[in-house]
All heavy atoms as atom14 arrays in JSON, in Angstrom:
{
  "sequence": "MEHNQSGVSMGASHGIGHVLGGTCSVPHGQTSCVMLPAVLKWNAEH",
  "atom14_mask": [
    [1, 1, 1, 1, 1, 1, 1, 1, 0, 0, 0, 0, 0, 0],
    [1, 1, 1, 1, 1, 1, 1, 1, 1, 0, 0, 0, 0, 0],
    [1, 1, 1, 1, 1, 1, 1, 1, 1, 1, 0, 0, 0, 0],
    [1, 1, 1, 1, 1, 1, 1, 1, 0, 0, 0, 0, 0, 0],
    [1, 1, 1, 1, 1, 1, 1, 1, 1, 0, 0, 0, 0, 0],
    [1, 1, 1, 1, 1, 1, 0, 0, 0, 0, 0, 0, 0, 0],
    [1, 1, 1, 1, 0, 0, 0, 0, 0, 0, 0, 0, 0, 0],
    [1, 1, 1, 1, 1, 1, 1, 0, 0, 0, 0, 0, 0, 0],
    [1, 1, 1, 1, 1, 1, 0, 0, 0, 0, 0, 0, 0, 0],
    [1, 1, 1, 1, 1, 1, 1, 1, 0, 0, 0, 0, 0, 0],
    [1, 1, 1, 1, 0, 0, 0, 0, 0, 0, 0, 0, 0, 0],
    [1, 1, 1, 1, 1, 0, 0, 0, 0, 0, 0, 0, 0, 0],
    [1, 1, 1, 1, 1, 1, 0, 0, 0, 0, 0, 0, 0, 0],
    [1, 1, 1, 1, 1, 1, 1, 1, 1, 1, 0, 0, 0, 0],
    [1, 1, 1, 1, 0, 0, 0, 0, 0, 0, 0, 0, 0, 0],
    [1, 1, 1, 1, 1, 1, 1, 1, 0, 0, 0, 0, 0, 0],
    [1, 1, 1, 1, 0, 0, 0, 0, 0, 0, 0, 0, 0, 0],
    [1, 1, 1, 1, 1, 1, 1, 1, 1, 1, 0, 0, 0, 0],
    [1, 1, 1, 1, 1, 1, 1, 0, 0, 0, 0, 0, 0, 0],
    [1, 1, 1, 1, 1, 1, 1, 1, 0, 0, 0, 0, 0, 0],
    [1, 1, 1, 1, 0, 0, 0, 0, 0, 0, 0, 0, 0, 0],
    [1, 1, 1, 1, 0, 0, 0, 0, 0, 0, 0, 0, 0, 0],
    [1, 1, 1, 1, 1, 1, 1, 0, 0, 0, 0, 0, 0, 0],
    [1, 1, 1, 1, 1, 1, 0, 0, 0, 0, 0, 0, 0, 0],
    [1, 1, 1, 1, 1, 1, 0, 0, 0, 0, 0, 0, 0, 0],
    [1, 1, 1, 1, 1, 1, 1, 0, 0, 0, 0, 0, 0, 0],
    [1, 1, 1, 1, 1, 1, 1, 0, 0, 0, 0, 0, 0, 0],
    [1, 1, 1, 1, 1, 1, 1, 1, 1, 1, 0, 0, 0, 0],
    [1, 1, 1, 1, 0, 0, 0, 0, 0, 0, 0, 0, 0, 0],
    [1, 1, 1, 1, 1, 1, 1, 1, 1, 0, 0, 0, 0, 0],
    [1, 1, 1, 1, 1, 1, 1, 0, 0, 0, 0, 0, 0, 0],
    [1, 1, 1, 1, 1, 1, 0, 0, 0, 0, 0, 0, 0, 0],
    [1, 1, 1, 1, 1, 1, 0, 0, 0, 0, 0, 0, 0, 0],
    [1, 1, 1, 1, 1, 1, 1, 0, 0, 0, 0, 0, 0, 0],
    [1, 1, 1, 1, 1, 1, 1, 1, 0, 0, 0, 0, 0, 0],
    [1, 1, 1, 1, 1, 1, 1, 1, 0, 0, 0, 0, 0, 0],
    [1, 1, 1, 1, 1, 1, 1, 0, 0, 0, 0, 0, 0, 0],
    [1, 1, 1, 1, 1, 0, 0, 0, 0, 0, 0, 0, 0, 0],
    [1, 1, 1, 1, 1, 1, 1, 0, 0, 0, 0, 0, 0, 0],
    [1, 1, 1, 1, 1, 1, 1, 1, 0, 0, 0, 0, 0, 0],
    [1, 1, 1, 1, 1, 1, 1, 1, 1, 0, 0, 0, 0, 0],
    [1, 1, 1, 1, 1, 1, 1, 1, 1, 1, 1, 1, 1, 1],
    [1, 1, 1, 1, 1, 1, 1, 1, 0, 0, 0, 0, 0, 0],
    [1, 1, 1, 1, 1, 0, 0, 0, 0, 0, 0, 0, 0, 0],
    [1, 1, 1, 1, 1, 1, 1, 1, 1, 0, 0, 0, 0, 0],
    [1, 1, 1, 1, 1, 1, 1, 1, 1, 1, 0, 0, 0, 0]
  ],
  "atom14_positions": [
    [[0.77, -1.17, -0.09], [0.0, -0.01, -0.03], [0.8, 1.22, 0.05], [0.34, 2.28, 0.02], [-0.95, -0.05, 1.2], [-1.89, -1.2, 1.17], [-3.03, -1.11, -0.17], [-4.07, 0.34, 0.05], [0.0, 0.0, 0.0], [0.0, 0.0, 0.0], [0.0, 0.0, 0.0], [0.0, 0.0, 0.0], [0.0, 0.0, 0.0], [0.0, 0.0, 0.0]],
    [[2.22, 1.16, -0.14], [3.1, 2.27, -0.19], [2.67, 3.27, -1.26], [2.97, 4.47, -1.24], [4.51, 1.87, -0.12], [5.52, 2.91, -0.36], [5.75, 3.67, 0.97], [5.26, 3.11, 2.05], [6.38, 4.71, 0.99], [0.0, 0.0, 0.0], [0.0, 0.0, 0.0], [0.0, 0.0, 0.0], [0.0, 0.0, 0.0], [0.0, 0.0, 0.0]],
    [[2.09, 2.72, -2.32], [1.75, 3.63, -3.5], [0.85, 4.72, -3.12], [1.06, 5.87, -3.8], [1.03, 2.7, -4.55], [-0.21, 2.18, -4.24], [-1.39, 2.89, -4.41], [-0.71, 1.02, -3.62], [-2.47, 2.2, -4.01], [-2.04, 1.12, -3.42], [0.0, 0.0, 0.0], [0.0, 0.0, 0.0], [0.0, 0.0, 0.0], [0.0, 0.0, 0.0]],
    [[0.07, 4.66, -2.04], [-0.77, 5.74, -1.73], [0.08, 7.01, -1.22], [-0.35, 8.07, -1.56], [-1.55, 5.31, -0.51], [-2.7, 4.34, -0.95], [-3.63, 4.74, -1.74], [-2.76, 3.15, -0.34], [0.0, 0.0, 0.0], [0.0, 0.0, 0.0], [0.0, 0.0, 0.0], [0.0, 0.0, 0.0], [0.0, 0.0, 0.0], [0.0, 0.0, 0.0]],
    [[1.18, 6.74, -0.55], [2.02, 7.92, -0.05], [3.02, 8.3, -1.23], [3.33, 9.45, -1.12], [2.87, 7.46, 1.15], [1.94, 7.29, 2.32], [1.84, 5.72, 2.74], [1.1, 5.1, 2.13], [2.43, 5.47, 3.84], [0.0, 0.0, 0.0], [0.0, 0.0, 0.0], [0.0, 0.0, 0.0], [0.0, 0.0, 0.0], [0.0, 0.0, 0.0]],
    [[3.32, 7.46, -2.1], [4.42, 7.73, -3.09], [3.87, 8.34, -4.28], [4.65, 8.51, -5.28], [5.25, 6.44, -3.36], [5.88, 6.04, -2.17], [0.0, 0.0, 0.0], [0.0, 0.0, 0.0], [0.0, 0.0, 0.0], [0.0, 0.0, 0.0], [0.0, 0.0, 0.0], [0.0, 0.0, 0.0], [0.0, 0.0, 0.0], [0.0, 0.0, 0.0]],
    [[2.66, 8.61, -4.42], [1.93, 9.23, -5.58], [1.82, 8.28, -6.79], [1.89, 8.79, -7.98], [0.0, 0.0, 0.0], [0.0, 0.0, 0.0], [0.0, 0.0, 0.0], [0.0, 0.0, 0.0], [0.0, 0.0, 0.0], [0.0, 0.0, 0.0], [0.0, 0.0, 0.0], [0.0, 0.0, 0.0], [0.0, 0.0, 0.0], [0.0, 0.0, 0.0]],
    [[1.75, 7.03, -6.54], [1.68, 5.96, -7.63], [0.21, 5.55, -7.67], [-0.3, 4.99, -6.83], [2.63, 4.77, -7.4], [2.48, 3.81, -8.58], [4.17, 5.22, -7.38], [0.0, 0.0, 0.0], [0.0, 0.0, 0.0], [0.0, 0.0, 0.0], [0.0, 0.0, 0.0], [0.0, 0.0, 0.0], [0.0, 0.0, 0.0], [0.0, 0.0, 0.0]],
    [[-0.32, 5.68, -8.87], [-1.83, 5.31, -9.0], [-1.75, 3.81, -9.68], [-0.84, 3.5, -10.43], [-2.53, 6.24, -9.98], [-3.86, 6.15, -9.92], [0.0, 0.0, 0.0], [0.0, 0.0, 0.0], [0.0, 0.0, 0.0], [0.0, 0.0, 0.0], [0.0, 0.0, 0.0], [0.0, 0.0, 0.0], [0.0, 0.0, 0.0], [0.0, 0.0, 0.0]],
    [[-2.78, 3.07, -9.53], [-2.95, 1.66, -9.92], [-3.4, 1.76, -11.37], [-3.57, 2.95, -11.99], [-3.96, 0.97, -9.12], [-3.53, 0.75, -7.66], [-2.05, -0.38, -7.43], [-0.77, 0.83, -7.44], [0.0, 0.0, 0.0], [0.0, 0.0, 0.0], [0.0, 0.0, 0.0], [0.0, 0.0, 0.0], [0.0, 0.0, 0.0], [0.0, 0.0, 0.0]],
    [[-3.53, 0.61, -12.05], [-3.94, 0.45, -13.41], [-5.14, -0.18, -13.55], [-6.06, -0.28, -12.73], [0.0, 0.0, 0.0], [0.0, 0.0, 0.0], [0.0, 0.0, 0.0], [0.0, 0.0, 0.0], [0.0, 0.0, 0.0], [0.0, 0.0, 0.0], [0.0, 0.0, 0.0], [0.0, 0.0, 0.0], [0.0, 0.0, 0.0], [0.0, 0.0, 0.0]],
    [[-5.35, -0.81, -14.75], [-6.63, -1.39, -15.25], [-7.1, -2.55, -14.4], [-8.35, -2.88, -14.42], [-6.58, -1.69, -16.72], [0.0, 0.0, 0.0], [0.0, 0.0, 0.0], [0.0, 0.0, 0.0], [0.0, 0.0, 0.0], [0.0, 0.0, 0.0], [0.0, 0.0, 0.0], [0.0, 0.0, 0.0], [0.0, 0.0, 0.0], [0.0, 0.0, 0.0]],
    [[-6.19, -3.37, -13.77], [-6.67, -4.44, -12.99], [-7.53, -3.98, -11.82], [-8.6, -4.53, -11.52], [-5.49, -5.24, -12.43], [-5.88, -6.4, -11.54], [0.0, 0.0, 0.0], [0.0, 0.0, 0.0], [0.0, 0.0, 0.0], [0.0, 0.0, 0.0], [0.0, 0.0, 0.0], [0.0, 0.0, 0.0], [0.0, 0.0, 0.0], [0.0, 0.0, 0.0]],
    [[-7.06, -2.84, -11.21], [-7.89, -2.23, -10.06], [-9.13, -1.66, -10.67], [-10.14, -1.67, -10.06], [-7.02, -1.29, -9.34], [-6.13, -1.96, -8.32], [-4.93, -2.63, -8.69], [-6.27, -2.02, -7.01], [-4.39, -3.17, -7.62], [-5.14, -2.92, -6.56], [0.0, 0.0, 0.0], [0.0, 0.0, 0.0], [0.0, 0.0, 0.0], [0.0, 0.0, 0.0]],
    [[-8.91, -0.91, -11.81], [-10.05, -0.13, -12.36], [-11.33, -1.03, -12.75], [-12.41, -0.79, -12.43], [0.0, 0.0, 0.0], [0.0, 0.0, 0.0], [0.0, 0.0, 0.0], [0.0, 0.0, 0.0], [0.0, 0.0, 0.0], [0.0, 0.0, 0.0], [0.0, 0.0, 0.0], [0.0, 0.0, 0.0], [0.0, 0.0, 0.0], [0.0, 0.0, 0.0]],
    [[-10.97, -2.05, -13.47], [-11.9, -3.04, -13.85], [-12.48, -3.8, -12.6], [-13.69, -4.15, -12.5], [-11.45, -4.03, -14.86], [-10.97, -3.24, -16.26], [-12.48, -5.07, -15.28], [-10.27, -4.07, -17.2], [0.0, 0.0, 0.0], [0.0, 0.0, 0.0], [0.0, 0.0, 0.0], [0.0, 0.0, 0.0], [0.0, 0.0, 0.0], [0.0, 0.0, 0.0]],
    [[-11.42, -4.14, -11.78], [-11.87, -4.95, -10.46], [-12.9, -4.26, -9.66], [-13.81, -4.86, -9.08], [0.0, 0.0, 0.0], [0.0, 0.0, 0.0], [0.0, 0.0, 0.0], [0.0, 0.0, 0.0], [0.0, 0.0, 0.0], [0.0, 0.0, 0.0], [0.0, 0.0, 0.0], [0.0, 0.0, 0.0], [0.0, 0.0, 0.0], [0.0, 0.0, 0.0]],
    [[-12.8, -2.8, -9.56], [-13.79, -2.18, -8.79], [-15.26, -2.42, -9.28], [-16.24, -2.53, -8.58], [-13.55, -0.75, -8.85], [-12.28, -0.38, -7.87], [-11.51, 0.88, -8.23], [-11.62, -1.01, -6.98], [-10.56, 0.84, -7.34], [-10.58, -0.11, -6.6], [0.0, 0.0, 0.0], [0.0, 0.0, 0.0], [0.0, 0.0, 0.0], [0.0, 0.0, 0.0]],
    [[-15.24, -2.46, -10.56], [-16.6, -2.61, -11.21], [-17.07, -4.21, -11.11], [-18.26, -4.46, -10.87], [-16.53, -2.18, -12.72], [-17.89, -2.4, -13.44], [-16.15, -0.86, -12.88], [0.0, 0.0, 0.0], [0.0, 0.0, 0.0], [0.0, 0.0, 0.0], [0.0, 0.0, 0.0], [0.0, 0.0, 0.0], [0.0, 0.0, 0.0], [0.0, 0.0, 0.0]],
    [[-16.14, -5.08, -11.31], [-16.46, -6.51, -11.05], [-17.11, -6.59, -9.67], [-18.02, -7.45, -9.46], [-15.32, -7.34, -11.22], [-14.75, -7.58, -12.64], [-13.49, -8.53, -12.65], [-15.88, -8.02, -13.64], [0.0, 0.0, 0.0], [0.0, 0.0, 0.0], [0.0, 0.0, 0.0], [0.0, 0.0, 0.0], [0.0, 0.0, 0.0], [0.0, 0.0, 0.0]],
    [[-16.59, -5.84, -8.71], [-17.06, -6.0, -7.23], [-18.39, -5.34, -7.2], [-19.36, -6.0, -6.75], [0.0, 0.0, 0.0], [0.0, 0.0, 0.0], [0.0, 0.0, 0.0], [0.0, 0.0, 0.0], [0.0, 0.0, 0.0], [0.0, 0.0, 0.0], [0.0, 0.0, 0.0], [0.0, 0.0, 0.0], [0.0, 0.0, 0.0], [0.0, 0.0, 0.0]],
    [[-18.41, -3.97, -7.42], [-19.66, -3.25, -7.17], [-20.87, -3.59, -8.01], [-22.05, -3.5, -7.63], [0.0, 0.0, 0.0], [0.0, 0.0, 0.0], [0.0, 0.0, 0.0], [0.0, 0.0, 0.0], [0.0, 0.0, 0.0], [0.0, 0.0, 0.0], [0.0, 0.0, 0.0], [0.0, 0.0, 0.0], [0.0, 0.0, 0.0], [0.0, 0.0, 0.0]],
    [[-20.46, -3.93, -9.33], [-21.56, -4.16, -10.29], [-21.97, -5.59, -10.46], [-23.15, -6.09, -10.55], [-21.17, -3.69, -11.71], [-20.97, -2.21, -11.55], [-22.21, -3.91, -12.68], [0.0, 0.0, 0.0], [0.0, 0.0, 0.0], [0.0, 0.0, 0.0], [0.0, 0.0, 0.0], [0.0, 0.0, 0.0], [0.0, 0.0, 0.0], [0.0, 0.0, 0.0]],
    [[-20.98, -6.52, -10.29], [-21.06, -8.01, -10.61], [-21.02, -8.84, -9.29], [-21.13, -10.07, -9.36], [-20.09, -8.51, -11.6], [-20.22, -7.59, -13.1], [0.0, 0.0, 0.0], [0.0, 0.0, 0.0], [0.0, 0.0, 0.0], [0.0, 0.0, 0.0], [0.0, 0.0, 0.0], [0.0, 0.0, 0.0], [0.0, 0.0, 0.0], [0.0, 0.0, 0.0]],
    [[-20.77, -8.2, -8.16], [-20.73, -8.87, -6.86], [-19.5, -9.88, -6.81], [-19.66, -10.83, -6.08], [-22.03, -9.48, -6.55], [-23.13, -8.49, -6.56], [0.0, 0.0, 0.0], [0.0, 0.0, 0.0], [0.0, 0.0, 0.0], [0.0, 0.0, 0.0], [0.0, 0.0, 0.0], [0.0, 0.0, 0.0], [0.0, 0.0, 0.0], [0.0, 0.0, 0.0]],
    [[-18.52, -9.71, -7.53], [-17.38, -10.54, -7.47], [-16.62, -10.36, -6.09], [-16.43, -9.08, -5.83], [-16.47, -10.52, -8.56], [-15.17, -11.35, -8.46], [-17.14, -10.83, -9.85], [0.0, 0.0, 0.0], [0.0, 0.0, 0.0], [0.0, 0.0, 0.0], [0.0, 0.0, 0.0], [0.0, 0.0, 0.0], [0.0, 0.0, 0.0], [0.0, 0.0, 0.0]],
    [[-16.18, -11.28, -5.34], [-15.44, -10.9, -4.09], [-14.21, -10.1, -4.39], [-13.55, -10.27, -5.41], [-15.15, -12.34, -3.51], [-16.19, -13.2, -4.03], [-16.62, -12.6, -5.37], [0.0, 0.0, 0.0], [0.0, 0.0, 0.0], [0.0, 0.0, 0.0], [0.0, 0.0, 0.0], [0.0, 0.0, 0.0], [0.0, 0.0, 0.0], [0.0, 0.0, 0.0]],
    [[-13.87, -9.18, -3.47], [-12.88, -8.07, -3.56], [-11.59, -8.74, -4.14], [-10.99, -8.32, -5.14], [-12.72, -7.4, -2.35], [-11.84, -6.24, -2.45], [-12.18, -5.17, -3.23], [-10.79, -5.83, -1.8], [-11.27, -4.2, -3.08], [-10.4, -4.6, -2.12], [0.0, 0.0, 0.0], [0.0, 0.0, 0.0], [0.0, 0.0, 0.0], [0.0, 0.0, 0.0]],
    [[-11.01, -9.74, -3.42], [-9.78, -10.3, -3.81], [-9.84, -11.11, -5.08], [-8.88, -10.99, -5.98], [0.0, 0.0, 0.0], [0.0, 0.0, 0.0], [0.0, 0.0, 0.0], [0.0, 0.0, 0.0], [0.0, 0.0, 0.0], [0.0, 0.0, 0.0], [0.0, 0.0, 0.0], [0.0, 0.0, 0.0], [0.0, 0.0, 0.0], [0.0, 0.0, 0.0]],
    [[-10.93, -11.68, -5.44], [-11.01, -12.44, -6.64], [-11.06, -11.61, -7.98], [-10.81, -12.14, -9.11], [-12.21, -13.47, -6.64], [-11.89, -14.55, -5.53], [-13.05, -15.62, -5.45], [-14.06, -15.44, -6.04], [-12.73, -16.72, -4.83], [0.0, 0.0, 0.0], [0.0, 0.0, 0.0], [0.0, 0.0, 0.0], [0.0, 0.0, 0.0], [0.0, 0.0, 0.0]],
    [[-11.43, -10.38, -7.75], [-11.28, -9.51, -8.95], [-9.89, -9.46, -9.45], [-9.78, -9.43, -10.7], [-11.82, -8.09, -8.63], [-10.99, -7.5, -7.78], [-13.21, -8.22, -8.14], [0.0, 0.0, 0.0], [0.0, 0.0, 0.0], [0.0, 0.0, 0.0], [0.0, 0.0, 0.0], [0.0, 0.0, 0.0], [0.0, 0.0, 0.0], [0.0, 0.0, 0.0]],
    [[-8.84, -9.37, -8.57], [-7.57, -9.33, -8.95], [-7.06, -10.66, -9.56], [-6.35, -10.8, -10.55], [-6.65, -8.98, -7.8], [-6.79, -7.62, -7.36], [0.0, 0.0, 0.0], [0.0, 0.0, 0.0], [0.0, 0.0, 0.0], [0.0, 0.0, 0.0], [0.0, 0.0, 0.0], [0.0, 0.0, 0.0], [0.0, 0.0, 0.0], [0.0, 0.0, 0.0]],
    [[-7.62, -11.7, -9.03], [-7.27, -13.02, -9.55], [-7.53, -13.25, -11.03], [-6.86, -13.81, -11.74], [-7.96, -14.14, -8.69], [-7.46, -14.28, -6.99], [0.0, 0.0, 0.0], [0.0, 0.0, 0.0], [0.0, 0.0, 0.0], [0.0, 0.0, 0.0], [0.0, 0.0, 0.0], [0.0, 0.0, 0.0], [0.0, 0.0, 0.0], [0.0, 0.0, 0.0]],
    [[-8.76, -12.61, -11.37], [-9.19, -13.01, -12.74], [-8.79, -11.93, -13.75], [-8.74, -12.11, -14.93], [-10.73, -13.1, -12.76], [-11.25, -14.31, -11.9], [-11.47, -11.89, -12.47], [0.0, 0.0, 0.0], [0.0, 0.0, 0.0], [0.0, 0.0, 0.0], [0.0, 0.0, 0.0], [0.0, 0.0, 0.0], [0.0, 0.0, 0.0], [0.0, 0.0, 0.0]],
    [[-8.28, -10.75, -13.24], [-8.03, -9.58, -14.15], [-6.59, -9.3, -14.25], [-6.05, -8.88, -15.29], [-8.73, -8.26, -13.59], [-10.2, -8.28, -13.87], [-10.8, -8.85, -15.48], [-9.77, -7.84, -16.55], [0.0, 0.0, 0.0], [0.0, 0.0, 0.0], [0.0, 0.0, 0.0], [0.0, 0.0, 0.0], [0.0, 0.0, 0.0], [0.0, 0.0, 0.0]],
    [[-5.73, -9.52, -13.19], [-4.29, -9.06, -13.34], [-3.48, -9.74, -14.39], [-2.84, -9.14, -15.1], [-3.7, -9.2, -11.96], [-2.12, -8.87, -11.92], [-1.94, -7.39, -12.27], [-1.69, -9.09, -10.5], [0.0, 0.0, 0.0], [0.0, 0.0, 0.0], [0.0, 0.0, 0.0], [0.0, 0.0, 0.0], [0.0, 0.0, 0.0], [0.0, 0.0, 0.0]],
    [[-3.66, -10.99, -14.68], [-2.89, -11.6, -15.81], [-3.26, -11.03, -17.14], [-2.36, -10.82, -17.9], [-3.3, -13.19, -15.72], [-3.64, -13.37, -14.19], [-4.3, -12.09, -13.87], [0.0, 0.0, 0.0], [0.0, 0.0, 0.0], [0.0, 0.0, 0.0], [0.0, 0.0, 0.0], [0.0, 0.0, 0.0], [0.0, 0.0, 0.0], [0.0, 0.0, 0.0]],
    [[-4.57, -10.93, -17.39], [-5.03, -10.31, -18.6], [-4.53, -8.85, -18.89], [-4.13, -8.44, -19.93], [-6.45, -10.39, -18.77], [0.0, 0.0, 0.0], [0.0, 0.0, 0.0], [0.0, 0.0, 0.0], [0.0, 0.0, 0.0], [0.0, 0.0, 0.0], [0.0, 0.0, 0.0], [0.0, 0.0, 0.0], [0.0, 0.0, 0.0], [0.0, 0.0, 0.0]],
    [[-4.49, -8.09, -17.85], [-4.02, -6.71, -17.9], [-2.51, -6.65, -18.07], [-1.97, -5.85, -18.95], [-4.43, -5.91, -16.57], [-3.76, -4.57, -16.55], [-5.91, -5.7, -16.45], [0.0, 0.0, 0.0], [0.0, 0.0, 0.0], [0.0, 0.0, 0.0], [0.0, 0.0, 0.0], [0.0, 0.0, 0.0], [0.0, 0.0, 0.0], [0.0, 0.0, 0.0]],
    [[-1.82, -7.59, -17.46], [-0.39, -7.68, -17.74], [-0.02, -7.96, -19.23], [0.83, -7.29, -19.85], [0.24, -8.63, -16.77], [0.45, -8.17, -15.4], [0.84, -9.51, -14.59], [1.51, -7.16, -15.33], [0.0, 0.0, 0.0], [0.0, 0.0, 0.0], [0.0, 0.0, 0.0], [0.0, 0.0, 0.0], [0.0, 0.0, 0.0], [0.0, 0.0, 0.0]],
    [[-0.78, -8.9, -19.72], [-0.69, -9.28, -21.07], [-0.92, -8.17, -22.01], [-0.25, -7.92, -22.9], [-1.69, -10.5, -21.45], [-1.46, -11.05, -22.83], [-2.3, -12.25, -23.08], [-1.88, -13.4, -22.19], [-2.78, -14.64, -22.51], [0.0, 0.0, 0.0], [0.0, 0.0, 0.0], [0.0, 0.0, 0.0], [0.0, 0.0, 0.0], [0.0, 0.0, 0.0]],
    [[-2.05, -7.37, -21.76], [-2.4, -6.28, -22.66], [-1.4, -5.09, -22.55], [-1.15, -4.47, -23.56], [-3.86, -5.88, -22.21], [-4.5, -4.92, -23.12], [-5.16, -5.38, -24.32], [-4.66, -3.54, -23.06], [-5.7, -4.21, -25.03], [-5.47, -3.15, -24.36], [-4.22, -2.54, -22.32], [-5.7, -1.76, -24.59], [-4.54, -1.13, -22.61], [-5.32, -0.78, -23.77]],
    [[-0.82, -4.94, -21.4], [0.02, -3.86, -21.22], [1.47, -4.26, -21.55], [2.46, -3.29, -21.59], [0.2, -3.5, -19.66], [-1.01, -2.72, -19.34], [-1.71, -2.15, -20.03], [-1.26, -2.63, -17.94], [0.0, 0.0, 0.0], [0.0, 0.0, 0.0], [0.0, 0.0, 0.0], [0.0, 0.0, 0.0], [0.0, 0.0, 0.0], [0.0, 0.0, 0.0]],
    [[1.79, -5.48, -21.92], [3.24, -5.99, -22.06], [4.17, -5.16, -22.85], [5.38, -4.92, -22.65], [3.37, -7.38, -22.23], [0.0, 0.0, 0.0], [0.0, 0.0, 0.0], [0.0, 0.0, 0.0], [0.0, 0.0, 0.0], [0.0, 0.0, 0.0], [0.0, 0.0, 0.0], [0.0, 0.0, 0.0], [0.0, 0.0, 0.0], [0.0, 0.0, 0.0]],
    [[3.58, -4.69, -24.08], [4.38, -4.01, -25.0], [4.76, -2.56, -24.54], [5.66, -2.05, -25.08], [3.66, -3.82, -26.35], [2.35, -3.12, -26.21], [1.6, -3.08, -27.61], [0.94, -4.05, -27.85], [1.69, -2.05, -28.38], [0.0, 0.0, 0.0], [0.0, 0.0, 0.0], [0.0, 0.0, 0.0], [0.0, 0.0, 0.0], [0.0, 0.0, 0.0]],
    [[4.06, -2.18, -23.41], [4.44, -0.82, -22.93], [5.28, -0.8, -21.74], [5.96, 0.22, -21.47], [3.17, 0.01, -22.59], [2.55, 0.56, -23.79], [2.29, 1.84, -24.11], [1.64, -0.14, -24.84], [1.61, 1.94, -25.25], [1.28, 0.82, -25.64], [0.0, 0.0, 0.0], [0.0, 0.0, 0.0], [0.0, 0.0, 0.0], [0.0, 0.0, 0.0]]
  ]
}
């Protein structure tokens, strides 16, 4: 959680994950389980 103090913002895994939770009722932690690998793959060239 150090990113909060260091001015580092999260990316699409968290952004999509918030919606999977609030809109689709996916448990908070499992949103990361299903999204982080795909976001890494999509971001890899950058």
